[in-house]
């Protein structure tokens, strides 16, 4: 039988407990991570119009740093197509002002 939640029981938190958003906003490393996540997603959003519609669900924005930006593919066919399209994808990024690190393609691990 699954446990039930008793509304009379309250979780007592210390008085100086912050909401998660507030805690993240006060942490420089977490803010930098959030900025990199948004930058990665923005690049993917800019490339989606170049990708066949059927690929959209199979491509995810991956890590970005000074050395590279990674596109994550859910299967080998999508990975191969992305590698084939890399020159056009990188050209599109340059056209939009993202002349930064080269694009890499990696397969997502199953699971």
PDB file of N, CA and C in Angstrom:
ATOM      1  N   UNK A   1       0.854  -1.173   0.000  1.00  0.00           N
ATOM      2  CA  UNK A   1       0.000   0.000   0.000  1.00  0.00           C
ATOM      3  C   UNK A   1       0.903   1.241   0.000  1.00  0.00           C
ATOM      4  N   UNK A   2       0.688   2.203  -0.907  1.00  0.00           N
ATOM      5  CA  UNK A   2       1.549   3.383  -0.967  1.00  0.00           C
ATOM      6  C   UNK A   2       1.338   4.272   0.253  1.00  0.00           C
ATOM      7  N   UNK A   3       2.408   4.961   0.652  1.00  0.00           N
ATOM      8  CA  UNK A   3       2.255   5.870   1.796  1.00  0.00           C
ATOM      9  C   UNK A   3       1.315   7.016   1.438  1.00  0.00           C
ATOM     10  N   UNK A   4       0.592   7.478   2.416  1.00  0.00           N
ATOM     11  CA  UNK A   4      -0.315   8.603   2.199  1.00  0.00           C
ATOM     12  C   UNK A   4       0.225   9.821   2.910  1.00  0.00           C
ATOM     13  N   UNK A   5      -0.176  10.963   2.430  1.00  0.00           N
ATOM     14  CA  UNK A   5       0.281  12.218   3.017  1.00  0.00           C
ATOM     15  C   UNK A   5      -0.759  12.699   4.019  1.00  0.00           C
ATOM     16  N   UNK A   6      -0.348  12.913   5.216  1.00  0.00           N
ATOM     17  CA  UNK A   6      -1.246  13.410   6.257  1.00  0.00           C
ATOM     18  C   UNK A   6      -1.106  14.928   6.303  1.00  0.00           C
ATOM     19  N   UNK A   7      -2.156  15.688   5.953  1.00  0.00           N
ATOM     20  CA  UNK A   7      -2.054  17.150   5.910  1.00  0.00           C
ATOM     21  C   UNK A   7      -1.785  17.767   7.279  1.00  0.00           C
ATOM     22  N   UNK A   8      -1.969  17.003   8.332  1.00  0.00           N
ATOM     23  CA  UNK A   8      -1.712  17.548   9.674  1.00  0.00           C
ATOM     24  C   UNK A   8      -0.224  17.565   9.999  1.00  0.00           C
ATOM     25  N   UNK A   9       0.544  16.779   9.240  1.00  0.00           N
ATOM     26  CA  UNK A   9       1.983  16.722   9.472  1.00  0.00           C
ATOM     27  C   UNK A   9       2.640  17.783   8.613  1.00  0.00           C
ATOM     28  N   UNK A  10       3.428  18.658   9.224  1.00  0.00           N
ATOM     29  CA  UNK A  10       4.102  19.726   8.491  1.00  0.00           C
ATOM     30  C   UNK A  10       5.605  19.510   8.567  1.00  0.00           C
ATOM     31  N   UNK A  11       6.257  19.738   7.454  1.00  0.00           N
ATOM     32  CA  UNK A  11       7.701  19.667   7.418  1.00  0.00           C
ATOM     33  C   UNK A  11       8.242  20.956   8.013  1.00  0.00           C
ATOM     34  N   UNK A  12       9.039  20.821   9.036  1.00  0.00           N
ATOM     35  CA  UNK A  12       9.602  22.013   9.676  1.00  0.00           C
ATOM     36  C   UNK A  12      10.938  22.341   9.034  1.00  0.00           C
ATOM     37  N   UNK A  13      11.030  23.537   8.488  1.00  0.00           N
ATOM     38  CA  UNK A  13      12.246  24.012   7.851  1.00  0.00           C
ATOM     39  C   UNK A  13      12.845  25.129   8.681  1.00  0.00           C
ATOM     40  N   UNK A  14      14.156  25.244   8.657  1.00  0.00           N
ATOM     41  CA  UNK A  14      14.777  26.358   9.368  1.00  0.00           C
ATOM     42  C   UNK A  14      14.232  27.693   8.851  1.00  0.00           C
ATOM     43  N   UNK A  15      14.203  28.685   9.703  1.00  0.00           N
ATOM     44  CA  UNK A  15      13.631  29.982   9.331  1.00  0.00           C
ATOM     45  C   UNK A  15      14.415  30.678   8.220  1.00  0.00           C
ATOM     46  N   UNK A  16      15.686  30.313   8.021  1.00  0.00           N
ATOM     47  CA  UNK A  16      16.486  30.961   6.979  1.00  0.00           C
ATOM     48  C   UNK A  16      16.480  30.174   5.670  1.00  0.00           C
ATOM     49  N   UNK A  17      15.548  29.265   5.496  1.00  0.00           N
ATOM     50  CA  UNK A  17      15.440  28.485   4.269  1.00  0.00           C
ATOM     51  C   UNK A  17      14.947  29.372   3.126  1.00  0.00           C
ATOM     52  N   UNK A  18      15.598  29.247   1.945  1.00  0.00           N
ATOM     53  CA  UNK A  18      15.239  30.044   0.775  1.00  0.00           C
ATOM     54  C   UNK A  18      14.556  29.165  -0.260  1.00  0.00           C
ATOM     55  N   UNK A  19      13.750  29.791  -1.070  1.00  0.00           N
ATOM     56  CA  UNK A  19      13.174  29.093  -2.210  1.00  0.00           C
ATOM     57  C   UNK A  19      14.304  28.712  -3.154  1.00  0.00           C
ATOM     58  N   UNK A  20      14.114  27.643  -3.934  1.00  0.00           N
ATOM     59  CA  UNK A  20      15.173  27.166  -4.826  1.00  0.00           C
ATOM     60  C   UNK A  20      15.619  28.244  -5.810  1.00  0.00           C
ATOM     61  N   UNK A  21      14.679  28.982  -6.363  1.00  0.00           N
ATOM     62  CA  UNK A  21      15.034  30.052  -7.306  1.00  0.00           C
ATOM     63  C   UNK A  21      15.903  31.117  -6.663  1.00  0.00           C
ATOM     64  N   UNK A  22      15.585  31.461  -5.437  1.00  0.00           N
ATOM     65  CA  UNK A  22      16.367  32.461  -4.716  1.00  0.00           C
ATOM     66  C   UNK A  22      17.765  31.924  -4.412  1.00  0.00           C
ATOM     67  N   UNK A  23      17.850  30.668  -4.028  1.00  0.00           N
ATOM     68  CA  UNK A  23      19.150  30.069  -3.730  1.00  0.00           C
ATOM     69  C   UNK A  23      20.028  30.025  -4.976  1.00  0.00           C
ATOM     70  N   UNK A  24      19.430  29.670  -6.112  1.00  0.00           N
ATOM     71  CA  UNK A  24      20.193  29.625  -7.363  1.00  0.00           C
ATOM     72  C   UNK A  24      20.660  31.021  -7.756  1.00  0.00           C
ATOM     73  N   UNK A  25      19.783  32.011  -7.594  1.00  0.00           N
ATOM     74  CA  UNK A  25      20.130  33.387  -7.956  1.00  0.00           C
ATOM     75  C   UNK A  25      21.269  33.932  -7.102  1.00  0.00           C
ATOM     76  N   UNK A  26      21.454  33.376  -5.925  1.00  0.00           N
ATOM     77  CA  UNK A  26      22.515  33.844  -5.036  1.00  0.00           C
ATOM     78  C   UNK A  26      23.812  33.055  -5.195  1.00  0.00           C
ATOM     79  N   UNK A  27      23.822  32.083  -6.077  1.00  0.00           N
ATOM     80  CA  UNK A  27      25.006  31.251  -6.288  1.00  0.00           C
ATOM     81  C   UNK A  27      25.598  31.557  -7.661  1.00  0.00           C
ATOM     82  N   UNK A  28      26.807  32.102  -7.673  1.00  0.00           N
ATOM     83  CA  UNK A  28      27.459  32.424  -8.945  1.00  0.00           C
ATOM     84  C   UNK A  28      27.640  31.205  -9.840  1.00  0.00           C
ATOM     85  N   UNK A  29      28.105  30.063  -9.318  1.00  0.00           N
ATOM     86  CA  UNK A  29      28.246  28.888 -10.188  1.00  0.00           C
ATOM     87  C   UNK A  29      26.905  28.432 -10.771  1.00  0.00           C
ATOM     88  N   UNK A  30      25.846  28.492  -9.993  1.00  0.00           N
ATOM     89  CA  UNK A  30      24.538  28.073 -10.488  1.00  0.00           C
ATOM     90  C   UNK A  30      24.009  29.075 -11.523  1.00  0.00           C
ATOM     91  N   UNK A  31      24.276  30.346 -11.310  1.00  0.00           N
ATOM     92  CA  UNK A  31      23.859  31.356 -12.293  1.00  0.00           C
ATOM     93  C   UNK A  31      24.601  31.149 -13.616  1.00  0.00           C
ATOM     94  N   UNK A  32      25.900  30.863 -13.538  1.00  0.00           N
ATOM     95  CA  UNK A  32      26.690  30.628 -14.745  1.00  0.00           C
ATOM     96  C   UNK A  32      26.187  29.376 -15.473  1.00  0.00           C
ATOM     97  N   UNK A  33      25.853  28.342 -14.730  1.00  0.00           N
ATOM     98  CA  UNK A  33      25.310  27.133 -15.333  1.00  0.00           C
ATOM     99  C   UNK A  33      23.990  27.434 -16.047  1.00  0.00           C
ATOM    100  N   UNK A  34      23.130  28.194 -15.404  1.00  0.00           N
ATOM    101  CA  UNK A  34      21.856  28.583 -16.011  1.00  0.00           C
ATOM    102  C   UNK A  34      22.055  29.369 -17.293  1.00  0.00           C
ATOM    103  N   UNK A  35      23.038  30.260 -17.292  1.00  0.00           N
ATOM    104  CA  UNK A  35      23.327  31.050 -18.497  1.00  0.00           C
ATOM    105  C   UNK A  35      23.815  30.151 -19.634  1.00  0.00           C
ATOM    106  N   UNK A  36      24.672  29.172 -19.314  1.00  0.00           N
ATOM    107  CA  UNK A  36      25.158  28.251 -20.344  1.00  0.00           C
ATOM    108  C   UNK A  36      24.019  27.386 -20.884  1.00  0.00           C
ATOM    109  N   UNK A  37      23.129  26.953 -20.009  1.00  0.00           N
ATOM    110  CA  UNK A  37      21.977  26.156 -20.458  1.00  0.00           C
ATOM    111  C   UNK A  37      21.094  26.960 -21.402  1.00  0.00           C
ATOM    112  N   UNK A  38      20.837  28.223 -21.059  1.00  0.00           N
ATOM    113  CA  UNK A  38      20.012  29.075 -21.916  1.00  0.00           C
ATOM    114  C   UNK A  38      20.713  29.357 -23.247  1.00  0.00           C
ATOM    115  N   UNK A  39      22.022  29.577 -23.211  1.00  0.00           N
ATOM    116  CA  UNK A  39      22.778  29.837 -24.443  1.00  0.00           C
ATOM    117  C   UNK A  39      22.745  28.612 -25.352  1.00  0.00           C
ATOM    118  N   UNK A  40      22.885  27.439 -24.781  1.00  0.00           N
ATOM    119  CA  UNK A  40      22.861  26.214 -25.557  1.00  0.00           C
ATOM    120  C   UNK A  40      21.490  26.012 -26.202  1.00  0.00           C
ATOM    121  N   UNK A  41      20.440  26.227 -25.440  1.00  0.00           N
ATOM    122  CA  UNK A  41      19.088  26.055 -25.967  1.00  0.00           C
ATOM    123  C   UNK A  41      18.782  27.094 -27.050  1.00  0.00           C
ATOM    124  N   UNK A  42      19.270  28.317 -26.868  1.00  0.00           N
ATOM    125  CA  UNK A  42      19.049  29.370 -27.868  1.00  0.00           C
ATOM    126  C   UNK A  42      19.698  28.996 -29.200  1.00  0.00           C
ATOM    127  N   UNK A  43      20.880  28.405 -29.150  1.00  0.00           N
ATOM    128  CA  UNK A  43      21.546  27.970 -30.385  1.00  0.00           C
ATOM    129  C   UNK A  43      20.744  26.873 -31.071  1.00  0.00           C
ATOM    130  N   UNK A  44      20.286  25.903 -30.283  1.00  0.00           N
ATOM    131  CA  UNK A  44      19.480  24.839 -30.883  1.00  0.00           C
ATOM    132  C   UNK A  44      18.209  25.410 -31.498  1.00  0.00           C
ATOM    133  N   UNK A  45      17.554  26.308 -30.788  1.00  0.00           N
ATOM    134  CA  UNK A  45      16.327  26.928 -31.323  1.00  0.00           C
ATOM    135  C   UNK A  45      16.593  27.618 -32.657  1.00  0.00           C
ATOM    136  N   UNK A  46      17.778  28.225 -32.792  1.00  0.00           N
ATOM    137  CA  UNK A  46      18.127  28.909 -34.047  1.00  0.00           C
ATOM    138  C   UNK A  46      18.375  27.925 -35.186  1.00  0.00           C
ATOM    139  N   UNK A  47      18.769  26.692 -34.842  1.00  0.00           N
ATOM    140  CA  UNK A  47      19.070  25.698 -35.873  1.00  0.00           C
ATOM    141  C   UNK A  47      17.873  24.845 -36.269  1.00  0.00           C
ATOM    142  N   UNK A  48      16.872  24.778 -35.428  1.00  0.00           N
ATOM    143  CA  UNK A  48      15.728  23.905 -35.712  1.00  0.00           C
ATOM    144  C   UNK A  48      15.093  24.137 -37.080  1.00  0.00           C
ATOM    145  N   UNK A  49      14.984  25.392 -37.562  1.00  0.00           N
ATOM    146  CA  UNK A  49      14.395  25.573 -38.898  1.00  0.00           C
ATOM    147  C   UNK A  49      15.181  24.886 -40.020  1.00  0.00           C
ATOM    148  N   UNK A  50      16.466  24.612 -39.797  1.00  0.00           N
ATOM    149  CA  UNK A  50      17.273  23.934 -40.818  1.00  0.00           C
ATOM    150  C   UNK A  50      17.105  22.422 -40.785  1.00  0.00           C
ATOM    151  N   UNK A  51      16.620  21.900 -39.668  1.00  0.00           N
ATOM    152  CA  UNK A  51      16.500  20.451 -39.506  1.00  0.00           C
ATOM    153  C   UNK A  51      15.145  19.964 -40.008  1.00  0.00           C
ATOM    154  N   UNK A  52      15.114  18.772 -40.600  1.00  0.00           N
ATOM    155  CA  UNK A  52      13.821  18.203 -40.956  1.00  0.00           C
ATOM    156  C   UNK A  52      12.938  18.081 -39.707  1.00  0.00           C
ATOM    157  N   UNK A  53      11.664  18.350 -39.851  1.00  0.00           N
ATOM    158  CA  UNK A  53      10.728  18.319 -38.724  1.00  0.00           C
ATOM    159  C   UNK A  53      10.818  17.009 -37.943  1.00  0.00           C
ATOM    160  N   UNK A  54      10.990  15.909 -38.661  1.00  0.00           N
ATOM    161  CA  UNK A  54      11.043  14.602 -38.005  1.00  0.00           C
ATOM    162  C   UNK A  54      12.236  14.463 -37.053  1.00  0.00           C
ATOM    163  N   UNK A  55      13.256  15.300 -37.221  1.00  0.00           N
ATOM    164  CA  UNK A  55      14.445  15.224 -36.354  1.00  0.00           C
ATOM    165  C   UNK A  55      14.298  16.040 -35.081  1.00  0.00           C
ATOM    166  N   UNK A  56      13.405  16.982 -35.055  1.00  0.00           N
ATOM    167  CA  UNK A  56      13.323  17.917 -33.925  1.00  0.00           C
ATOM    168  C   UNK A  56      13.263  17.212 -32.576  1.00  0.00           C
ATOM    169  N   UNK A  57      12.459  16.189 -32.465  1.00  0.00           N
ATOM    170  CA  UNK A  57      12.302  15.497 -31.180  1.00  0.00           C
ATOM    171  C   UNK A  57      13.522  14.655 -30.818  1.00  0.00           C
ATOM    172  N   UNK A  58      14.430  14.466 -31.769  1.00  0.00           N
ATOM    173  CA  UNK A  58      15.576  13.584 -31.552  1.00  0.00           C
ATOM    174  C   UNK A  58      16.895  14.334 -31.374  1.00  0.00           C
ATOM    175  N   UNK A  59      16.820  15.658 -31.274  1.00  0.00           N
ATOM    176  CA  UNK A  59      18.020  16.482 -31.091  1.00  0.00           C
ATOM    177  C   UNK A  59      17.827  17.330 -29.845  1.00  0.00           C
ATOM    178  N   UNK A  60      18.822  17.301 -28.971  1.00  0.00           N
ATOM    179  CA  UNK A  60      18.780  18.073 -27.719  1.00  0.00           C
ATOM    180  C   UNK A  60      20.003  18.987 -27.657  1.00  0.00           C
ATOM    181  N   UNK A  61      19.837  20.110 -26.981  1.00  0.00           N
ATOM    182  CA  UNK A  61      20.960  21.018 -26.741  1.00  0.00           C
ATOM    183  C   UNK A  61      21.848  20.404 -25.664  1.00  0.00           C
ATOM    184  N   UNK A  62      23.122  20.331 -25.959  1.00  0.00           N
ATOM    185  CA  UNK A  62      24.070  19.752 -25.014  1.00  0.00           C
ATOM    186  C   UNK A  62      24.938  20.816 -24.375  1.00  0.00           C
ATOM    187  N   UNK A  63      26.015  20.380 -23.749  1.00  0.00           N
ATOM    188  CA  UNK A  63      26.905  21.309 -23.050  1.00  0.00           C
ATOM    189  C   UNK A  63      27.568  22.313 -23.996  1.00  0.00           C
ATOM    190  N   UNK A  64      27.831  23.477 -23.450  1.00  0.00           N
ATOM    191  CA  UNK A  64      28.562  24.513 -24.187  1.00  0.00           C
ATOM    192  C   UNK A  64      29.645  25.066 -23.273  1.00  0.00           C
ATOM    193  N   UNK A  65      30.828  25.265 -23.831  1.00  0.00           N
ATOM    194  CA  UNK A  65      31.922  25.904 -23.103  1.00  0.00           C
ATOM    195  C   UNK A  65      32.818  26.590 -24.121  1.00  0.00           C
ATOM    196  N   UNK A  66      33.987  27.000 -23.717  1.00  0.00           N
ATOM    197  CA  UNK A  66      34.883  27.725 -24.613  1.00  0.00           C
ATOM    198  C   UNK A  66      35.398  26.832 -25.743  1.00  0.00           C
ATOM    199  N   UNK A  67      35.439  25.514 -25.525  1.00  0.00           N
ATOM    200  CA  UNK A  67      36.028  24.594 -26.494  1.00  0.00           C
ATOM    201  C   UNK A  67      35.033  24.107 -27.544  1.00  0.00           C
ATOM    202  N   UNK A  68      33.764  23.946 -27.171  1.00  0.00           N
ATOM    203  CA  UNK A  68      32.795  23.406 -28.134  1.00  0.00           C
ATOM    204  C   UNK A  68      31.369  23.552 -27.622  1.00  0.00           C
ATOM    205  N   UNK A  69      30.441  23.335 -28.541  1.00  0.00           N
ATOM    206  CA  UNK A  69      29.026  23.210 -28.213  1.00  0.00           C
ATOM    207  C   UNK A  69      28.585  21.869 -28.748  1.00  0.00           C
ATOM    208  N   UNK A  70      27.825  21.127 -27.975  1.00  0.00           N
ATOM    209  CA  UNK A  70      27.448  19.777 -28.354  1.00  0.00           C
ATOM    210  C   UNK A  70      25.961  19.665 -28.636  1.00  0.00           C
ATOM    211  N   UNK A  71      25.660  19.047 -29.769  1.00  0.00           N
ATOM    212  CA  UNK A  71      24.297  18.637 -30.082  1.00  0.00           C
ATOM    213  C   UNK A  71      24.184  17.165 -29.713  1.00  0.00           C
ATOM    214  N   UNK A  72      23.132  16.816 -29.009  1.00  0.00           N
ATOM    215  CA  UNK A  72      22.929  15.439 -28.586  1.00  0.00           C
ATOM    216  C   UNK A  72      21.852  14.796 -29.453  1.00  0.00           C
ATOM    217  N   UNK A  73      22.166  13.647 -30.014  1.00  0.00           N
ATOM    218  CA  UNK A  73      21.238  12.919 -30.879  1.00  0.00           C
ATOM    219  C   UNK A  73      20.756  11.668 -30.153  1.00  0.00           C
ATOM    220  N   UNK A  74      19.479  11.333 -30.359  1.00  0.00           N
ATOM    221  CA  UNK A  74      18.910  10.175 -29.667  1.00  0.00           C
ATOM    222  C   UNK A  74      19.198   8.856 -30.377  1.00  0.00           C
ATOM    223  N   UNK A  75      19.650   8.909 -31.635  1.00  0.00           N
ATOM    224  CA  UNK A  75      19.967   7.656 -32.324  1.00  0.00           C
ATOM    225  C   UNK A  75      21.039   7.906 -33.389  1.00  0.00           C
ATOM    226  N   UNK A  76      21.566   6.817 -33.917  1.00  0.00           N
ATOM    227  CA  UNK A  76      22.696   6.932 -34.850  1.00  0.00           C
ATOM    228  C   UNK A  76      22.305   7.576 -36.176  1.00  0.00           C
ATOM    229  N   UNK A  77      21.082   7.377 -36.634  1.00  0.00           N
ATOM    230  CA  UNK A  77      20.658   7.993 -37.896  1.00  0.00           C
ATOM    231  C   UNK A  77      20.626   9.515 -37.765  1.00  0.00           C
ATOM    232  N   UNK A  78      20.085   9.999 -36.667  1.00  0.00           N
ATOM    233  CA  UNK A  78      20.037  11.444 -36.436  1.00  0.00           C
ATOM    234  C   UNK A  78      21.451  11.990 -36.259  1.00  0.00           C
ATOM    235  N   UNK A  79      22.276  11.259 -35.547  1.00  0.00           N
ATOM    236  CA  UNK A  79      23.663  11.669 -35.355  1.00  0.00           C
ATOM    237  C   UNK A  79      24.384  11.799 -36.691  1.00  0.00           C
ATOM    238  N   UNK A  80      24.204  10.827 -37.573  1.00  0.00           N
ATOM    239  CA  UNK A  80      24.851  10.868 -38.892  1.00  0.00           C
ATOM    240  C   UNK A  80      24.342  12.049 -39.708  1.00  0.00           C
ATOM    241  N   UNK A  81      23.054  12.301 -39.669  1.00  0.00           N
ATOM    242  CA  UNK A  81      22.488  13.423 -40.427  1.00  0.00           C
ATOM    243  C   UNK A  81      23.017  14.754 -39.894  1.00  0.00           C
ATOM    244  N   UNK A  82      23.112  14.890 -38.578  1.00  0.00           N
ATOM    245  CA  UNK A  82      23.647  16.126 -37.992  1.00  0.00           C
ATOM    246  C   UNK A  82      25.097  16.338 -38.428  1.00  0.00           C
ATOM    247  N   UNK A  83      25.885  15.286 -38.414  1.00  0.00           N
ATOM    248  CA  UNK A  83      27.283  15.417 -38.845  1.00  0.00           C
ATOM    249  C   UNK A  83      27.359  15.843 -40.309  1.00  0.00           C
ATOM    250  N   UNK A  84      26.460  15.300 -41.122  1.00  0.00           N
ATOM    251  CA  UNK A  84      26.409  15.673 -42.531  1.00  0.00           C
ATOM    252  C   UNK A  84      26.045  17.150 -42.687  1.00  0.00           C
ATOM    253  N   UNK A  85      25.200  17.649 -41.799  1.00  0.00           N
ATOM    254  CA  UNK A  85      24.712  19.029 -41.878  1.00  0.00           C
ATOM    255  C   UNK A  85      25.601  20.034 -41.148  1.00  0.00           C
ATOM    256  N   UNK A  86      26.656  19.589 -40.475  1.00  0.00           N
ATOM    257  CA  UNK A  86      27.472  20.497 -39.656  1.00  0.00           C
ATOM    258  C   UNK A  86      27.923  21.762 -40.379  1.00  0.00           C
ATOM    259  N   UNK A  87      28.420  21.696 -41.607  1.00  0.00           N
ATOM    260  CA  UNK A  87      28.833  22.957 -42.255  1.00  0.00           C
ATOM    261  C   UNK A  87      27.687  23.975 -42.346  1.00  0.00           C
ATOM    262  N   UNK A  88      26.500  23.517 -42.701  1.00  0.00           N
ATOM    263  CA  UNK A  88      25.357  24.435 -42.807  1.00  0.00           C
ATOM    264  C   UNK A  88      24.930  24.933 -41.430  1.00  0.00           C
ATOM    265  N   UNK A  89      24.983  24.071 -40.435  1.00  0.00           N
ATOM    266  CA  UNK A  89      24.587  24.474 -39.079  1.00  0.00           C
ATOM    267  C   UNK A  89      25.553  25.517 -38.522  1.00  0.00           C
ATOM    268  N   UNK A  90      26.848  25.262 -38.696  1.00  0.00           N
ATOM    269  CA  UNK A  90      27.844  26.221 -38.196  1.00  0.00           C
ATOM    270  C   UNK A  90      27.752  27.539 -38.957  1.00  0.00           C
ATOM    271  N   UNK A  91      27.470  27.478 -40.250  1.00  0.00           N
ATOM    272  CA  UNK A  91      27.299  28.699 -41.043  1.00  0.00           C
ATOM    273  C   UNK A  91      26.115  29.513 -40.516  1.00  0.00           C
ATOM    274  N   UNK A  92      25.028  28.836 -40.209  1.00  0.00           N
ATOM    275  CA  UNK A  92      23.839  29.516 -39.666  1.00  0.00           C
ATOM    276  C   UNK A  92      24.173  30.197 -38.341  1.00  0.00           C
ATOM    277  N   UNK A  93      24.905  29.517 -37.480  1.00  0.00           N
ATOM    278  CA  UNK A  93      25.286  30.121 -36.197  1.00  0.00           C
ATOM    279  C   UNK A  93      26.147  31.360 -36.408  1.00  0.00           C
ATOM    280  N   UNK A  94      27.106  31.275 -37.336  1.00  0.00           N
ATOM    281  CA  UNK A  94      27.957  32.442 -37.625  1.00  0.00           C
ATOM    282  C   UNK A  94      27.118  33.597 -38.154  1.00  0.00           C
ATOM    283  N   UNK A  95      26.176  33.292 -39.030  1.00  0.00           N
ATOM    284  CA  UNK A  95      25.301  34.319 -39.602  1.00  0.00           C
ATOM    285  C   UNK A  95      24.514  35.036 -38.509  1.00  0.00           C
ATOM    286  N   UNK A  96      24.162  34.305 -37.462  1.00  0.00           N
ATOM    287  CA  UNK A  96      23.386  34.885 -36.364  1.00  0.00           C
ATOM    288  C   UNK A  96      24.264  35.497 -35.270  1.00  0.00           C
ATOM    289  N   UNK A  97      25.575  35.509 -35.497  1.00  0.00           N
ATOM    290  CA  UNK A  97      26.471  36.160 -34.549  1.00  0.00           C
ATOM    291  C   UNK A  97      27.118  35.225 -33.539  1.00  0.00           C
ATOM    292  N   UNK A  98      26.907  33.934 -33.681  1.00  0.00           N
ATOM    293  CA  UNK A  98      27.546  32.967 -32.787  1.00  0.00           C
ATOM    294  C   UNK A  98      28.728  32.346 -33.507  1.00  0.00           C
ATOM    295  N   UNK A  99      29.825  33.086 -33.569  1.00  0.00           N
ATOM    296  CA  UNK A  99      31.020  32.597 -34.246  1.00  0.00           C
ATOM    297  C   UNK A  99      31.907  31.816 -33.289  1.00  0.00           C
ATOM    298  N   UNK A 100      31.351  31.423 -32.184  1.00  0.00           N
ATOM    299  CA  UNK A 100      32.099  30.778 -31.112  1.00  0.00           C
ATOM    300  C   UNK A 100      32.623  29.398 -31.416  1.00  0.00           C
ATOM    301  N   UNK A 101      32.605  28.549 -30.409  1.00  0.00           N
ATOM    302  CA  UNK A 101      33.271  27.247 -30.510  1.00  0.00           C
ATOM    303  C   UNK A 101      32.609  26.349 -31.559  1.00  0.00           C
ATOM    304  N   UNK A 102      33.366  25.381 -32.061  1.00  0.00           N
ATOM    305  CA  UNK A 102      32.819  24.456 -33.056  1.00  0.00           C
ATOM    306  C   UNK A 102      31.705  23.585 -32.465  1.00  0.00           C
ATOM    307  N   UNK A 103      30.874  23.066 -33.340  1.00  0.00           N
ATOM    308  CA  UNK A 103      29.763  22.205 -32.940  1.00  0.00           C
ATOM    309  C   UNK A 103      30.217  20.756 -32.992  1.00  0.00           C
ATOM    310  N   UNK A 104      29.905  20.012 -31.948  1.00  0.00           N
ATOM    311  CA  UNK A 104      30.167  18.574 -31.913  1.00  0.00           C
ATOM    312  C   UNK A 104      28.831  17.855 -31.863  1.00  0.00           C
ATOM    313  N   UNK A 105      28.812  16.627 -32.302  1.00  0.00           N
ATOM    314  CA  UNK A 105      27.614  15.800 -32.238  1.00  0.00           C
ATOM    315  C   UNK A 105      27.943  14.558 -31.422  1.00  0.00           C
ATOM    316  N   UNK A 106      27.089  14.260 -30.468  1.00  0.00           N
ATOM    317  CA  UNK A 106      27.269  13.059 -29.640  1.00  0.00           C
ATOM    318  C   UNK A 106      25.933  12.348 -29.528  1.00  0.00           C
ATOM    319  N   UNK A 107      26.012  11.057 -29.311  1.00  0.00           N
ATOM    320  CA  UNK A 107      24.816  10.259 -29.080  1.00  0.00           C
ATOM    321  C   UNK A 107      24.456  10.308 -27.597  1.00  0.00           C
ATOM    322  N   UNK A 108      23.161  10.473 -27.325  1.00  0.00           N
ATOM    323  CA  UNK A 108      22.690  10.364 -25.961  1.00  0.00           C
ATOM    324  C   UNK A 108      22.765   8.920 -25.519  1.00  0.00           C
ATOM    325  N   UNK A 109      23.143   8.692 -24.284  1.00  0.00           N
ATOM    326  CA  UNK A 109      23.162   7.331 -23.758  1.00  0.00           C
ATOM    327  C   UNK A 109      21.725   6.870 -23.547  1.00  0.00           C
ATOM    328  N   UNK A 110      21.434   5.619 -23.860  1.00  0.00           N
ATOM    329  CA  UNK A 110      20.065   5.129 -23.616  1.00  0.00           C
ATOM    330  C   UNK A 110      19.735   5.172 -22.142  1.00  0.00           C
ATOM    331  N   UNK A 111      18.474   5.459 -21.865  1.00  0.00           N
ATOM    332  CA  UNK A 111      18.017   5.435 -20.483  1.00  0.00           C
ATOM    333  C   UNK A 111      17.830   6.714 -19.909  1.00  0.00           C
TER     334      UNK A 111
END
